[in-house]
């Protein structure tokens, strides 16, 4: 997880919390708001848990939204380990940094959002397109969504050994 900052056409600050699955490369969420805090991070993670299994790890930087009590309690309650990047080392969380670069280049830099609602709608449309239409070299040029569906399908199949029992 990480944050990306931008602004609306009128100069209003905009922040986006990006949540990326390291294995599938899916953008699980991009939460957009003017001020996002630890409560927003936890709310976003709870929303993701409604449709996905809990992660084993969260990879984050040392921002107050990630190092504060709210996320710590959430991680403790869900038995999820938080792995913090070293200060000044964004490459420790390279997957989300690469994703954030794509978000900036392909969405934020090409739109001039008039309102927060417009920003949310455009960014969500970009996220869905990223997940479903963008080939990813690490997955044999399958989109993140396609790779995730194939991975879940394979994980749901009984193993050869289990079939013998």
N, C-alpha and C. Protein backbone atom coordinates (compact mmCIF):
# COMPACT_ATOMS: atom_id res chain seq x y z
N UNK A 1 0.84 -1.17 0.00
CA UNK A 1 0.00 0.00 0.00
C UNK A 1 0.89 1.23 0.00
N UNK A 2 0.33 2.29 -0.58
CA UNK A 2 1.04 3.55 -0.60
C UNK A 2 0.05 4.66 -0.92
N UNK A 3 0.51 5.88 -0.86
CA UNK A 3 -0.30 7.03 -1.20
C UNK A 3 0.29 7.76 -2.39
N UNK A 4 -0.60 8.34 -3.20
CA UNK A 4 -0.22 9.19 -4.31
C UNK A 4 -0.94 10.52 -4.10
N UNK A 5 -0.25 11.62 -4.32
CA UNK A 5 -0.86 12.94 -4.15
C UNK A 5 -1.03 13.62 -5.51
N UNK A 6 -2.10 14.38 -5.63
CA UNK A 6 -2.37 15.16 -6.83
C UNK A 6 -3.29 16.30 -6.41
N UNK A 7 -3.88 16.98 -7.39
CA UNK A 7 -4.83 18.03 -7.07
C UNK A 7 -5.89 18.14 -8.15
N UNK A 8 -7.02 18.71 -7.75
CA UNK A 8 -8.10 18.97 -8.69
C UNK A 8 -7.80 20.24 -9.48
N UNK A 9 -8.60 20.54 -10.48
CA UNK A 9 -8.39 21.73 -11.32
C UNK A 9 -8.40 23.01 -10.49
N UNK A 10 -9.18 23.05 -9.40
CA UNK A 10 -9.27 24.26 -8.57
C UNK A 10 -8.18 24.33 -7.51
N UNK A 11 -7.25 23.37 -7.51
CA UNK A 11 -6.15 23.37 -6.56
C UNK A 11 -6.40 22.55 -5.30
N UNK A 12 -7.61 22.02 -5.14
CA UNK A 12 -7.92 21.18 -3.98
C UNK A 12 -7.02 19.96 -3.99
N UNK A 13 -6.41 19.67 -2.85
CA UNK A 13 -5.52 18.51 -2.76
C UNK A 13 -6.32 17.21 -2.86
N UNK A 14 -5.71 16.23 -3.47
CA UNK A 14 -6.29 14.91 -3.66
C UNK A 14 -5.25 13.89 -3.23
N UNK A 15 -5.68 12.89 -2.48
CA UNK A 15 -4.78 11.78 -2.12
C UNK A 15 -5.45 10.49 -2.56
N UNK A 16 -4.64 9.54 -2.96
CA UNK A 16 -5.15 8.23 -3.35
C UNK A 16 -4.34 7.15 -2.62
N UNK A 17 -5.06 6.32 -1.89
CA UNK A 17 -4.47 5.14 -1.26
C UNK A 17 -4.51 4.03 -2.29
N UNK A 18 -3.35 3.49 -2.64
CA UNK A 18 -3.30 2.39 -3.61
C UNK A 18 -2.96 1.10 -2.88
N UNK A 19 -3.74 0.06 -3.17
CA UNK A 19 -3.54 -1.25 -2.56
C UNK A 19 -3.33 -2.24 -3.72
N UNK A 20 -2.14 -2.83 -3.78
CA UNK A 20 -1.77 -3.72 -4.87
C UNK A 20 -1.43 -5.10 -4.31
N UNK A 21 -1.95 -6.14 -4.93
CA UNK A 21 -1.61 -7.52 -4.58
C UNK A 21 -0.28 -7.85 -5.24
N UNK A 22 0.73 -8.15 -4.45
CA UNK A 22 2.07 -8.39 -4.98
C UNK A 22 2.11 -9.63 -5.89
N UNK A 23 1.32 -10.65 -5.57
CA UNK A 23 1.34 -11.89 -6.35
C UNK A 23 0.64 -11.72 -7.70
N UNK A 24 -0.58 -11.21 -7.69
CA UNK A 24 -1.34 -11.10 -8.94
C UNK A 24 -1.10 -9.80 -9.68
N UNK A 25 -0.54 -8.80 -9.00
CA UNK A 25 -0.33 -7.45 -9.52
C UNK A 25 -1.65 -6.69 -9.69
N UNK A 26 -2.75 -7.21 -9.12
CA UNK A 26 -4.03 -6.52 -9.20
C UNK A 26 -4.04 -5.28 -8.32
N UNK A 27 -4.70 -4.25 -8.81
CA UNK A 27 -4.99 -3.08 -7.99
C UNK A 27 -6.28 -3.42 -7.24
N UNK A 28 -6.16 -3.78 -5.97
CA UNK A 28 -7.33 -4.20 -5.20
C UNK A 28 -8.21 -3.02 -4.84
N UNK A 29 -7.62 -1.85 -4.68
CA UNK A 29 -8.39 -0.65 -4.37
C UNK A 29 -7.54 0.58 -4.64
N UNK A 30 -8.22 1.64 -5.02
CA UNK A 30 -7.63 2.98 -5.03
C UNK A 30 -8.67 3.86 -4.36
N UNK A 31 -8.40 4.20 -3.11
CA UNK A 31 -9.31 5.03 -2.32
C UNK A 31 -8.90 6.49 -2.50
N UNK A 32 -9.83 7.32 -2.98
CA UNK A 32 -9.53 8.71 -3.29
C UNK A 32 -10.25 9.63 -2.32
N UNK A 33 -9.53 10.60 -1.79
CA UNK A 33 -10.13 11.58 -0.90
C UNK A 33 -9.22 12.77 -0.73
N UNK A 34 -9.71 13.77 -0.02
CA UNK A 34 -8.89 14.95 0.22
C UNK A 34 -7.89 14.69 1.34
N UNK A 35 -8.38 14.10 2.41
CA UNK A 35 -7.51 13.74 3.54
C UNK A 35 -7.80 12.28 3.88
N UNK A 36 -6.85 11.44 3.72
CA UNK A 36 -7.02 10.03 4.06
C UNK A 36 -6.16 9.73 5.28
N UNK A 37 -6.75 9.03 6.23
CA UNK A 37 -6.06 8.74 7.49
C UNK A 37 -6.04 7.24 7.73
N UNK A 38 -5.52 6.85 8.89
CA UNK A 38 -5.47 5.44 9.25
C UNK A 38 -6.83 4.78 9.22
N UNK A 39 -7.87 5.50 9.62
CA UNK A 39 -9.24 4.96 9.59
C UNK A 39 -9.66 4.60 8.17
N UNK A 40 -9.24 5.42 7.21
CA UNK A 40 -9.56 5.16 5.81
C UNK A 40 -8.82 3.94 5.29
N UNK A 41 -7.58 3.76 5.74
CA UNK A 41 -6.80 2.58 5.36
C UNK A 41 -7.51 1.33 5.87
N UNK A 42 -7.91 1.33 7.13
CA UNK A 42 -8.58 0.18 7.74
C UNK A 42 -9.92 -0.08 7.05
N UNK A 43 -10.68 0.96 6.77
CA UNK A 43 -11.97 0.79 6.09
C UNK A 43 -11.77 0.17 4.70
N UNK A 44 -10.74 0.61 4.00
CA UNK A 44 -10.44 0.05 2.67
C UNK A 44 -10.04 -1.42 2.78
N UNK A 45 -9.22 -1.75 3.75
CA UNK A 45 -8.82 -3.16 3.94
C UNK A 45 -10.02 -4.02 4.31
N UNK A 46 -10.90 -3.52 5.17
CA UNK A 46 -12.11 -4.28 5.53
C UNK A 46 -12.99 -4.51 4.30
N UNK A 47 -13.09 -3.51 3.43
CA UNK A 47 -13.88 -3.67 2.20
C UNK A 47 -13.26 -4.74 1.30
N UNK A 48 -11.94 -4.75 1.21
CA UNK A 48 -11.25 -5.76 0.39
C UNK A 48 -11.49 -7.15 0.97
N UNK A 49 -11.46 -7.28 2.30
CA UNK A 49 -11.67 -8.59 2.95
C UNK A 49 -13.06 -9.16 2.72
N UNK A 50 -13.99 -8.35 2.29
CA UNK A 50 -15.32 -8.86 1.98
C UNK A 50 -15.32 -9.72 0.72
N UNK A 51 -14.32 -9.53 -0.13
CA UNK A 51 -14.27 -10.28 -1.39
C UNK A 51 -12.98 -11.06 -1.60
N UNK A 52 -12.00 -10.86 -0.73
CA UNK A 52 -10.71 -11.52 -0.88
C UNK A 52 -10.27 -12.12 0.45
N UNK A 53 -9.39 -13.09 0.37
CA UNK A 53 -8.78 -13.65 1.57
C UNK A 53 -7.83 -12.63 2.18
N UNK A 54 -7.63 -12.75 3.48
CA UNK A 54 -6.72 -11.81 4.14
C UNK A 54 -5.29 -12.06 3.66
N UNK A 55 -4.50 -11.01 3.61
CA UNK A 55 -3.10 -11.18 3.21
C UNK A 55 -2.28 -11.73 4.38
N UNK A 56 -1.13 -12.27 4.07
CA UNK A 56 -0.19 -12.67 5.12
C UNK A 56 0.61 -11.47 5.58
N UNK A 57 0.92 -10.56 4.65
CA UNK A 57 1.75 -9.40 4.92
C UNK A 57 1.14 -8.16 4.29
N UNK A 58 1.41 -7.03 4.89
CA UNK A 58 1.15 -5.73 4.30
C UNK A 58 2.50 -5.06 4.15
N UNK A 59 2.83 -4.62 2.95
CA UNK A 59 4.07 -3.90 2.70
C UNK A 59 3.74 -2.42 2.61
N UNK A 60 4.32 -1.62 3.51
CA UNK A 60 3.99 -0.20 3.58
C UNK A 60 5.24 0.61 3.93
N UNK A 61 5.12 1.93 3.75
CA UNK A 61 6.20 2.81 4.20
C UNK A 61 5.93 3.23 5.63
N UNK A 62 6.66 4.19 6.13
CA UNK A 62 6.55 4.58 7.54
C UNK A 62 5.63 5.77 7.76
N UNK A 63 4.74 6.05 6.81
CA UNK A 63 3.80 7.14 6.96
C UNK A 63 2.90 6.93 8.17
N UNK A 64 2.41 8.03 8.73
CA UNK A 64 1.60 7.95 9.95
C UNK A 64 0.34 7.12 9.75
N UNK A 65 -0.22 7.08 8.54
CA UNK A 65 -1.42 6.29 8.28
C UNK A 65 -1.14 4.79 8.41
N UNK A 66 0.10 4.40 8.20
CA UNK A 66 0.48 2.99 8.25
C UNK A 66 1.14 2.61 9.58
N UNK A 67 1.79 3.55 10.21
CA UNK A 67 2.51 3.23 11.44
C UNK A 67 1.70 3.57 12.69
N UNK A 68 0.50 4.06 12.50
CA UNK A 68 -0.33 4.43 13.64
C UNK A 68 -1.08 3.25 14.24
N UNK A 69 -1.83 3.56 15.26
CA UNK A 69 -2.52 2.54 16.06
C UNK A 69 -3.63 1.81 15.29
N UNK A 70 -4.34 2.53 14.42
CA UNK A 70 -5.48 1.92 13.71
C UNK A 70 -5.05 0.70 12.88
N UNK A 71 -4.03 0.86 12.06
CA UNK A 71 -3.58 -0.25 11.22
C UNK A 71 -2.94 -1.34 12.07
N UNK A 72 -2.22 -0.94 13.11
CA UNK A 72 -1.60 -1.93 13.99
C UNK A 72 -2.66 -2.82 14.64
N UNK A 73 -3.73 -2.23 15.12
CA UNK A 73 -4.82 -3.01 15.73
C UNK A 73 -5.50 -3.90 14.70
N UNK A 74 -5.71 -3.37 13.50
CA UNK A 74 -6.33 -4.16 12.44
C UNK A 74 -5.46 -5.38 12.12
N UNK A 75 -4.17 -5.17 11.98
CA UNK A 75 -3.25 -6.26 11.66
C UNK A 75 -3.22 -7.29 12.79
N UNK A 76 -3.21 -6.83 14.02
CA UNK A 76 -3.20 -7.75 15.17
C UNK A 76 -4.48 -8.59 15.18
N UNK A 77 -5.62 -7.94 14.99
CA UNK A 77 -6.91 -8.64 15.00
C UNK A 77 -7.00 -9.69 13.88
N UNK A 78 -6.42 -9.38 12.72
CA UNK A 78 -6.51 -10.29 11.57
C UNK A 78 -5.29 -11.18 11.42
N UNK A 79 -4.34 -11.06 12.36
CA UNK A 79 -3.11 -11.86 12.32
C UNK A 79 -2.36 -11.68 10.99
N UNK A 80 -2.18 -10.41 10.64
CA UNK A 80 -1.46 -10.03 9.43
C UNK A 80 -0.20 -9.28 9.86
N UNK A 81 0.91 -9.61 9.27
CA UNK A 81 2.18 -8.97 9.61
C UNK A 81 2.36 -7.71 8.76
N UNK A 82 2.79 -6.63 9.38
CA UNK A 82 3.09 -5.40 8.66
C UNK A 82 4.60 -5.34 8.44
N UNK A 83 5.00 -5.18 7.20
CA UNK A 83 6.41 -5.09 6.84
C UNK A 83 6.68 -3.67 6.34
N UNK A 84 7.44 -2.91 7.13
CA UNK A 84 7.73 -1.51 6.81
C UNK A 84 8.99 -1.40 5.96
N UNK A 85 8.93 -0.54 4.95
CA UNK A 85 10.13 -0.26 4.16
C UNK A 85 11.07 0.62 4.98
N UNK A 86 12.32 0.57 4.65
CA UNK A 86 13.30 1.41 5.32
C UNK A 86 13.07 2.87 4.92
N UNK A 87 13.21 3.80 5.84
CA UNK A 87 13.03 5.21 5.49
C UNK A 87 13.93 5.61 4.33
N UNK A 88 13.35 6.29 3.35
CA UNK A 88 14.10 6.75 2.18
C UNK A 88 14.40 5.67 1.17
N UNK A 89 13.78 4.50 1.31
CA UNK A 89 14.02 3.38 0.39
C UNK A 89 12.71 2.94 -0.27
N UNK A 90 12.17 3.72 -1.21
CA UNK A 90 10.92 3.32 -1.85
C UNK A 90 11.04 2.03 -2.65
N UNK A 91 12.26 1.65 -3.02
CA UNK A 91 12.43 0.41 -3.76
C UNK A 91 12.12 -0.82 -2.91
N UNK A 92 12.05 -0.65 -1.58
CA UNK A 92 11.64 -1.77 -0.72
C UNK A 92 10.22 -2.21 -1.03
N UNK A 93 9.43 -1.31 -1.59
CA UNK A 93 8.04 -1.61 -1.93
C UNK A 93 7.86 -1.33 -3.43
N UNK A 94 8.72 -1.94 -4.23
CA UNK A 94 8.81 -1.66 -5.65
C UNK A 94 7.55 -1.92 -6.44
N UNK A 95 6.78 -2.95 -6.07
CA UNK A 95 5.56 -3.26 -6.84
C UNK A 95 4.57 -2.11 -6.79
N UNK A 96 4.33 -1.58 -5.61
CA UNK A 96 3.36 -0.49 -5.51
C UNK A 96 3.94 0.80 -6.08
N UNK A 97 5.24 1.01 -5.97
CA UNK A 97 5.85 2.21 -6.55
C UNK A 97 5.74 2.18 -8.08
N UNK A 98 5.96 1.02 -8.68
CA UNK A 98 5.80 0.87 -10.13
C UNK A 98 4.35 1.11 -10.52
N UNK A 99 3.43 0.51 -9.76
CA UNK A 99 2.01 0.72 -10.02
C UNK A 99 1.67 2.21 -9.93
N UNK A 100 2.15 2.88 -8.88
CA UNK A 100 1.84 4.30 -8.71
C UNK A 100 2.38 5.14 -9.86
N UNK A 101 3.53 4.74 -10.40
CA UNK A 101 4.06 5.44 -11.58
C UNK A 101 3.14 5.29 -12.77
N UNK A 102 2.59 4.09 -12.96
CA UNK A 102 1.63 3.87 -14.06
C UNK A 102 0.36 4.68 -13.83
N UNK A 103 -0.14 4.68 -12.60
CA UNK A 103 -1.33 5.47 -12.27
C UNK A 103 -1.09 6.95 -12.59
N UNK A 104 0.06 7.46 -12.20
CA UNK A 104 0.36 8.87 -12.46
C UNK A 104 0.47 9.14 -13.96
N UNK A 105 1.27 8.33 -14.66
CA UNK A 105 1.51 8.57 -16.09
C UNK A 105 0.27 8.39 -16.94
N UNK A 106 -0.53 7.37 -16.64
CA UNK A 106 -1.64 7.00 -17.52
C UNK A 106 -2.98 7.57 -17.10
N UNK A 107 -3.09 8.05 -15.89
CA UNK A 107 -4.38 8.55 -15.43
C UNK A 107 -4.28 9.97 -14.87
N UNK A 108 -3.51 10.15 -13.81
CA UNK A 108 -3.48 11.45 -13.15
C UNK A 108 -2.91 12.55 -14.05
N UNK A 109 -1.87 12.25 -14.80
CA UNK A 109 -1.25 13.27 -15.65
C UNK A 109 -2.05 13.58 -16.92
N UNK A 110 -3.01 12.75 -17.27
CA UNK A 110 -3.78 12.99 -18.50
C UNK A 110 -5.19 13.50 -18.22
N UNK A 111 -5.57 13.62 -16.96
CA UNK A 111 -6.89 14.14 -16.60
C UNK A 111 -6.75 15.41 -15.77
N UNK A 112 -7.67 16.30 -15.96
CA UNK A 112 -7.76 17.52 -15.17
C UNK A 112 -9.11 17.44 -14.47
N UNK A 113 -9.14 16.86 -13.29
CA UNK A 113 -10.37 16.57 -12.58
C UNK A 113 -11.02 17.86 -12.06
N UNK A 114 -12.31 18.01 -12.36
CA UNK A 114 -13.05 19.19 -11.90
C UNK A 114 -13.60 19.00 -10.49
N UNK A 115 -13.80 17.75 -10.09
CA UNK A 115 -14.37 17.48 -8.76
C UNK A 115 -13.81 16.18 -8.22
N UNK A 116 -13.99 15.98 -6.92
CA UNK A 116 -13.55 14.74 -6.29
C UNK A 116 -14.33 13.56 -6.87
N UNK A 117 -15.63 13.76 -7.13
CA UNK A 117 -16.46 12.69 -7.71
C UNK A 117 -15.93 12.28 -9.09
N UNK A 118 -15.55 13.27 -9.90
CA UNK A 118 -14.99 12.96 -11.22
C UNK A 118 -13.67 12.21 -11.07
N UNK A 119 -12.84 12.65 -10.13
CA UNK A 119 -11.56 11.98 -9.90
C UNK A 119 -11.80 10.53 -9.50
N UNK A 120 -12.72 10.30 -8.56
CA UNK A 120 -13.01 8.93 -8.12
C UNK A 120 -13.48 8.06 -9.29
N UNK A 121 -14.39 8.58 -10.09
CA UNK A 121 -14.93 7.79 -11.21
C UNK A 121 -13.85 7.48 -12.25
N UNK A 122 -13.06 8.47 -12.61
CA UNK A 122 -12.01 8.25 -13.62
C UNK A 122 -10.93 7.30 -13.12
N UNK A 123 -10.53 7.46 -11.86
CA UNK A 123 -9.49 6.61 -11.30
C UNK A 123 -10.00 5.18 -11.15
N UNK A 124 -11.25 4.99 -10.76
CA UNK A 124 -11.81 3.65 -10.65
C UNK A 124 -11.91 2.99 -12.03
N UNK A 125 -12.31 3.76 -13.05
CA UNK A 125 -12.36 3.21 -14.42
C UNK A 125 -10.97 2.80 -14.87
N UNK A 126 -9.96 3.61 -14.55
CA UNK A 126 -8.58 3.26 -14.91
C UNK A 126 -8.15 1.99 -14.18
N UNK A 127 -8.50 1.88 -12.87
CA UNK A 127 -8.14 0.69 -12.08
C UNK A 127 -8.74 -0.57 -12.69
N UNK A 128 -9.99 -0.50 -13.07
CA UNK A 128 -10.64 -1.68 -13.66
C UNK A 128 -10.00 -2.05 -14.99
N UNK A 129 -9.69 -1.03 -15.80
CA UNK A 129 -9.01 -1.30 -17.06
C UNK A 129 -7.64 -1.90 -16.83
N UNK A 130 -6.91 -1.37 -15.85
CA UNK A 130 -5.59 -1.90 -15.50
C UNK A 130 -5.69 -3.37 -15.13
N UNK A 131 -6.67 -3.72 -14.32
CA UNK A 131 -6.81 -5.11 -13.86
C UNK A 131 -7.24 -6.06 -14.98
N UNK A 132 -8.09 -5.60 -15.88
CA UNK A 132 -8.70 -6.50 -16.86
C UNK A 132 -8.09 -6.45 -18.25
N UNK A 133 -7.45 -5.37 -18.61
CA UNK A 133 -7.00 -5.22 -20.00
C UNK A 133 -5.50 -5.09 -20.18
N UNK A 134 -4.79 -4.87 -19.12
CA UNK A 134 -3.36 -4.59 -19.24
C UNK A 134 -2.55 -5.88 -19.11
N UNK A 135 -1.87 -6.29 -20.18
CA UNK A 135 -1.03 -7.49 -20.08
C UNK A 135 0.17 -7.23 -19.16
N UNK A 136 0.56 -8.25 -18.43
CA UNK A 136 1.68 -8.10 -17.50
C UNK A 136 2.72 -9.16 -17.82
N UNK A 137 3.93 -8.72 -18.09
CA UNK A 137 5.01 -9.62 -18.49
C UNK A 137 5.25 -10.72 -17.46
N UNK A 138 5.15 -10.39 -16.17
CA UNK A 138 5.42 -11.38 -15.12
C UNK A 138 4.43 -12.54 -15.15
N UNK A 139 3.29 -12.35 -15.81
CA UNK A 139 2.26 -13.39 -15.86
C UNK A 139 2.04 -13.90 -17.29
N UNK A 140 3.10 -13.92 -18.08
CA UNK A 140 2.98 -14.41 -19.45
C UNK A 140 2.04 -13.55 -20.27
N UNK A 141 2.02 -12.27 -19.99
CA UNK A 141 1.20 -11.28 -20.68
C UNK A 141 -0.30 -11.43 -20.45
N UNK A 142 -0.67 -12.13 -19.38
CA UNK A 142 -2.07 -12.13 -18.95
C UNK A 142 -2.30 -10.87 -18.12
N UNK A 143 -3.53 -10.39 -18.12
CA UNK A 143 -3.84 -9.23 -17.27
C UNK A 143 -3.83 -9.68 -15.81
N UNK A 144 -3.66 -8.75 -14.88
CA UNK A 144 -3.69 -9.13 -13.47
C UNK A 144 -4.98 -9.86 -13.08
N UNK A 145 -6.11 -9.39 -13.58
CA UNK A 145 -7.38 -10.05 -13.26
C UNK A 145 -7.46 -11.46 -13.81
N UNK A 146 -7.00 -11.63 -15.05
CA UNK A 146 -7.00 -12.96 -15.68
C UNK A 146 -6.08 -13.91 -14.91
N UNK A 147 -4.91 -13.43 -14.54
CA UNK A 147 -3.97 -14.25 -13.78
C UNK A 147 -4.56 -14.63 -12.42
N UNK A 148 -5.22 -13.68 -11.76
CA UNK A 148 -5.82 -13.96 -10.45
C UNK A 148 -6.91 -15.03 -10.57
N UNK A 149 -7.74 -14.92 -11.59
CA UNK A 149 -8.80 -15.93 -11.77
C UNK A 149 -8.22 -17.31 -12.04
N UNK A 150 -7.19 -17.39 -12.86
CA UNK A 150 -6.53 -18.67 -13.14
C UNK A 150 -5.90 -19.23 -11.87
N UNK A 151 -5.26 -18.37 -11.09
CA UNK A 151 -4.60 -18.81 -9.86
C UNK A 151 -5.62 -19.34 -8.85
N UNK A 152 -6.75 -18.65 -8.70
CA UNK A 152 -7.79 -19.11 -7.77
C UNK A 152 -8.39 -20.42 -8.26
N UNK A 153 -8.57 -20.55 -9.56
CA UNK A 153 -9.12 -21.78 -10.13
C UNK A 153 -8.19 -22.96 -9.85
N UNK A 154 -6.89 -22.75 -10.04
CA UNK A 154 -5.93 -23.83 -9.78
C UNK A 154 -5.86 -24.16 -8.29
N UNK A 155 -5.97 -23.15 -7.45
CA UNK A 155 -5.92 -23.38 -6.00
C UNK A 155 -7.15 -24.13 -5.51
N UNK A 156 -8.28 -23.96 -6.20
CA UNK A 156 -9.52 -24.63 -5.81
C UNK A 156 -9.58 -26.09 -6.26
N UNK A 157 -8.72 -26.47 -7.21
CA UNK A 157 -8.74 -27.85 -7.71
C UNK A 157 -8.12 -28.79 -6.69
N UNK A 158 -8.68 -29.98 -6.53
CA UNK A 158 -8.04 -30.96 -5.62
C UNK A 158 -6.70 -31.39 -6.20
N UNK A 159 -5.74 -31.60 -5.32
CA UNK A 159 -4.43 -32.05 -5.79
C UNK A 159 -4.52 -33.48 -6.24
N UNK A 160 -3.53 -33.91 -6.99
CA UNK A 160 -3.52 -35.30 -7.47
C UNK A 160 -3.50 -36.25 -6.29
N UNK A 161 -2.74 -35.91 -5.24
CA UNK A 161 -2.69 -36.78 -4.08
C UNK A 161 -4.03 -36.83 -3.38
N UNK A 162 -4.70 -35.64 -3.28
CA UNK A 162 -6.00 -35.60 -2.62
C UNK A 162 -7.04 -36.42 -3.37
N UNK A 163 -6.89 -36.53 -4.70
CA UNK A 163 -7.85 -37.29 -5.49
C UNK A 163 -7.72 -38.79 -5.22
N UNK A 164 -6.53 -39.24 -4.79
CA UNK A 164 -6.32 -40.67 -4.54
C UNK A 164 -6.92 -41.10 -3.23
N UNK A 165 -7.06 -40.21 -2.27
CA UNK A 165 -7.55 -40.57 -0.92
C UNK A 165 -8.99 -40.96 -0.90
